[in-house]
Protein backbone atom coordinates (compact mmCIF):
# COMPACT_ATOMS: atom_id res chain seq x y z
CA MET A 1 -0.07 0.63 0.07
CA THR A 2 1.62 3.41 -0.93
CA ARG A 3 1.86 5.42 2.02
CA ILE A 4 2.89 8.99 2.62
CA ILE A 5 5.75 9.44 4.11
CA ALA A 6 6.90 12.97 5.44
CA ASP A 7 10.62 14.61 6.01
CA ILE A 8 12.56 16.28 6.31
CA SER A 9 15.85 18.28 7.96
CA VAL A 10 15.06 19.77 11.18
CA SER A 11 18.19 21.42 13.91
CA LEU A 12 18.22 20.53 17.89
CA ASP A 13 16.13 23.58 18.12
CA GLY A 14 13.18 21.99 16.16
CA PHE A 15 13.18 24.65 12.83
CA VAL A 16 13.13 23.63 9.49
CA THR A 17 14.81 26.72 8.27
CA GLY A 18 16.79 29.62 8.99
CA PRO A 19 15.19 33.15 10.05
CA ASP A 20 14.56 35.05 6.28
CA PRO A 21 13.53 32.08 3.98
CA GLY A 22 13.43 33.29 0.66
CA PRO A 23 13.04 32.52 -2.39
CA ASP A 24 17.41 33.72 -2.82
CA ASN A 25 17.48 32.22 0.17
CA GLY A 26 16.03 29.02 0.76
CA PRO A 27 17.24 27.81 3.84
CA GLY A 28 17.21 30.73 5.76
CA VAL A 29 20.58 32.19 7.54
CA GLY A 30 22.10 29.30 9.26
CA GLY A 31 19.47 26.39 6.73
CA GLU A 32 21.88 25.25 5.18
CA ALA A 33 23.11 23.57 7.55
CA LEU A 34 20.76 21.93 7.74
CA HIS A 35 20.67 20.47 5.20
CA THR A 36 24.62 18.90 5.92
CA TRP A 37 24.23 15.49 5.53
CA ALA A 38 22.52 15.01 2.31
CA PHE A 39 25.32 16.51 0.36
CA SER A 40 28.34 13.87 2.44
CA ASP A 41 29.81 11.03 1.92
CA ASP A 42 29.29 9.22 5.16
CA PRO A 43 27.97 6.38 3.96
CA ASP A 44 24.57 5.74 5.81
CA ASP A 45 23.69 9.77 4.70
CA ARG A 46 23.95 7.79 1.49
CA ARG A 47 21.99 4.71 1.82
CA ILE A 48 19.70 6.53 3.04
CA LEU A 49 19.31 8.94 0.71
CA ARG A 50 18.89 7.07 -1.90
CA GLU A 51 16.54 4.49 -0.89
CA ALA A 52 14.51 8.41 -0.01
CA THR A 53 14.16 8.68 -3.53
CA ALA A 54 13.75 5.33 -4.36
CA ARG A 55 11.02 4.70 -2.98
CA SER A 56 9.87 7.72 -3.77
CA GLY A 57 6.14 7.29 -6.35
CA ALA A 58 5.88 11.19 -6.39
CA VAL A 59 6.45 14.32 -4.23
CA LEU A 60 4.38 16.64 -2.42
CA LEU A 61 4.90 20.21 -1.39
CA GLY A 62 3.47 24.05 -0.65
CA ARG A 63 3.84 26.84 -3.22
CA ARG A 64 6.13 28.99 -1.11
CA LEU A 65 8.84 25.18 -1.31
CA PHE A 66 7.99 25.86 -4.67
CA ASP A 67 9.63 29.24 -5.38
CA VAL A 68 12.10 28.02 -3.82
CA VAL A 69 13.60 25.86 -5.62
CA ASP A 70 12.11 26.83 -8.83
CA GLY A 71 13.50 29.83 -8.29
CA PRO A 72 17.15 31.68 -10.71
CA TYR A 73 18.82 29.93 -6.92
CA GLY A 74 17.30 26.45 -7.08
CA TRP A 75 17.77 22.98 -8.38
CA ASP A 76 19.71 22.65 -10.70
CA ASP A 77 20.29 19.20 -12.61
CA THR A 78 23.23 17.96 -9.26
CA SER A 79 21.30 19.61 -6.57
CA GLY A 80 18.39 18.24 -7.27
CA TYR A 81 15.85 16.32 -5.78
CA GLY A 82 17.71 12.85 -5.84
CA ALA A 83 19.56 14.65 -7.91
CA GLY A 84 21.96 12.08 -9.33
CA GLU A 85 20.51 9.01 -7.39
CA VAL A 86 17.46 7.23 -9.70
CA GLY A 87 14.64 8.88 -11.65
CA LYS A 88 13.01 11.69 -10.79
CA PRO A 89 9.39 11.10 -9.87
CA ALA A 90 6.47 13.37 -10.47
CA PHE A 91 5.96 16.63 -8.33
CA VAL A 92 2.28 17.53 -6.57
CA VAL A 93 1.83 21.48 -4.73
CA VAL A 94 -0.74 22.94 -3.01
CA THR A 95 -1.03 25.92 -3.99
CA SER A 96 -3.68 28.88 -4.00
CA SER A 97 -2.99 29.56 -8.19
CA PRO A 98 -0.78 28.02 -10.17
CA PRO A 99 2.43 29.61 -11.15
CA GLU A 100 2.51 31.71 -14.86
CA SER A 101 4.79 29.33 -16.03
CA VAL A 102 8.00 26.42 -14.56
CA ARG A 103 11.80 27.21 -14.38
CA LEU A 104 11.84 23.08 -14.36
CA ALA A 105 9.61 23.15 -17.36
CA ASP A 106 12.05 19.05 -17.57
CA LEU A 107 9.52 17.92 -14.41
CA ASP A 108 6.77 16.38 -13.73
CA TRP A 109 4.22 18.60 -12.21
CA THR A 110 0.74 18.97 -11.14
CA PHE A 111 -0.59 21.88 -9.05
CA VAL A 112 -3.61 22.18 -7.24
CA THR A 113 -5.61 24.56 -5.36
CA SER A 114 -8.37 22.37 -3.65
CA GLY A 115 -6.32 21.96 -0.39
CA LEU A 116 -3.85 19.92 1.35
CA ALA A 117 -6.04 16.60 0.79
CA ASP A 118 -6.71 16.57 -2.87
CA ALA A 119 -3.36 17.68 -2.76
CA VAL A 120 -2.17 14.31 -0.88
CA ALA A 121 -5.07 12.47 -2.67
CA ALA A 122 -3.56 13.95 -6.00
CA ALA A 123 0.14 12.77 -5.22
CA ARG A 124 -1.05 8.87 -4.38
CA GLU A 125 -2.83 8.55 -8.19
CA ARG A 126 0.64 8.99 -9.27
CA ALA A 127 2.77 7.38 -6.42
CA VAL A 128 0.18 3.83 -6.97
CA ALA A 129 0.96 4.67 -11.37
CA ALA A 130 4.64 4.24 -10.99
CA SER A 131 3.65 1.42 -8.40
CA ALA A 132 2.60 -0.01 -11.78
CA ARG A 133 5.12 0.79 -14.04
CA SER A 134 7.81 -0.34 -11.56
CA GLY A 135 6.55 -3.39 -10.14
CA LYS A 136 7.61 -2.18 -6.46
CA GLU A 137 5.45 -0.34 -3.83
CA LEU A 138 6.22 3.58 -3.31
CA ASP A 139 5.18 6.39 -1.22
CA VAL A 140 4.25 10.12 -1.34
CA VAL A 141 7.02 11.66 -0.19
CA LEU A 142 6.49 15.39 1.98
CA MET A 143 8.79 16.76 1.35
CA GLY A 144 8.00 20.05 3.34
CA GLY A 145 8.28 23.21 3.67
CA GLY A 146 7.36 22.77 7.47
CA ALA A 147 3.64 23.97 8.16
CA VAL A 148 2.45 21.54 4.88
CA ILE A 149 4.33 19.08 7.39
CA ALA A 150 2.72 19.71 10.58
CA SER A 151 -0.64 20.91 8.63
CA ALA A 152 -0.55 17.49 7.09
CA LEU A 153 -0.03 16.53 10.70
CA ASP A 154 -3.02 17.93 11.80
CA ALA A 155 -5.27 16.39 9.41
CA GLY A 156 -3.27 12.74 9.87
CA LEU A 157 -2.46 12.40 6.52
CA VAL A 158 0.71 11.28 7.03
CA ASP A 159 1.36 7.10 8.10
CA GLY A 160 5.28 7.51 8.36
CA LEU A 161 7.19 11.22 9.34
CA THR A 162 11.09 11.35 8.96
CA LEU A 163 13.40 13.18 10.64
CA HIS A 164 16.94 14.16 9.99
CA LEU A 165 18.28 15.38 12.12
CA ALA A 166 20.99 18.24 12.16
CA PRO A 167 23.61 18.67 15.02
CA VAL A 168 22.77 22.77 15.01
CA VAL A 169 20.57 25.41 16.65
CA LEU A 170 19.13 28.53 14.96
CA GLY A 171 17.67 29.99 17.49
CA ALA A 172 14.86 31.63 14.98
CA GLY A 173 13.36 30.93 11.61
CA THR A 174 10.24 28.37 10.66
CA PRO A 175 9.52 25.64 12.70
CA LEU A 176 8.11 22.32 12.51
CA PHE A 177 5.61 21.26 15.35
CA THR A 178 3.39 24.53 17.22
CA GLY A 179 1.41 23.22 18.69
CA GLY A 180 -1.97 21.58 16.75
CA ALA A 181 -3.48 17.75 16.69
CA PRO A 182 -1.51 15.64 19.24
CA ARG A 183 0.61 12.45 17.63
CA THR A 184 1.20 8.98 19.05
CA LEU A 185 3.99 7.78 16.81
CA VAL A 186 5.70 4.55 17.07
CA ARG A 187 9.62 4.82 16.91
CA ARG A 188 10.87 2.79 13.64
CA SER A 189 14.52 3.75 13.20
CA VAL A 190 17.68 5.48 14.23
CA THR A 191 20.79 5.68 12.31
CA PRO A 192 23.10 8.22 13.67
CA THR A 193 26.23 10.16 11.27
CA SER A 194 28.77 12.66 11.44
CA THR A 195 26.35 14.91 10.12
CA ALA A 196 23.05 13.59 11.59
CA THR A 197 20.92 11.31 13.38
CA HIS A 198 17.88 9.62 10.58
CA LEU A 199 14.99 8.79 12.90
CA THR A 200 11.65 8.05 11.44
CA TYR A 201 8.41 6.82 13.18
CA ASP A 202 5.16 5.35 12.15
CA ILE A 203 1.96 7.41 13.05
CA LEU A 204 -0.87 5.78 15.17
C-alpha cells in the first residue's frame, strides 16, 4: 500500500529553516547546515538519501518551497531532488494559484488548488501509477515546507515521519511544530552519522 511519508531536516531546536528564508535564500540564515547530510560522503547518509529517493513515487510540496526550488537559486542538475540517484518522480504542489511559468519544465509538475487533502490524493494517484509501472511499492514523500507537513500531520494525512536531526541550534526560523493535534509516534529506526541523526517513525 502506498504510504504518505513526511521527510524533512530539522535543527535541534525544532526549526526547518533559519531566519529570513525566501526564494533567494531558501534555507534561511544558517539553514544550509540542516542539509549537510544530503551532500555528505558518509556511507549511511548516502544510503538514506538513495533509499528515500528510490521509494518516491511522487513528491508533494507547498507553494513557498516550490518558489524556492524553481527560483533562480533553486534546483539544478546537481542539486535537484535525488540528483544523481534515480529517475525523477512526479511532483505535486499545493497552492492557491498555479505559477504563470515553470523554470524546471523538464520535471513533471501538478498544481492542486483545492486544498491539502486533494493534493495528497493527487500525489497518491501518481505514486500508485508509478508503482504499477515499476513493479514495486512506492510512496508519496511530503518534503515540506514545515507548515505543509505540520498541517498534514494535524489532518491525519501522514503515515510516517522521517526526521534528519542536524547537530545545529538555529535559535529562530521556521518551526516544524507549533502545537496542533496530539500525535502518537512509534520509532522504527535511528541511524546516527557524523552529520545528522536520522529518525523514522510510524504515526498511529
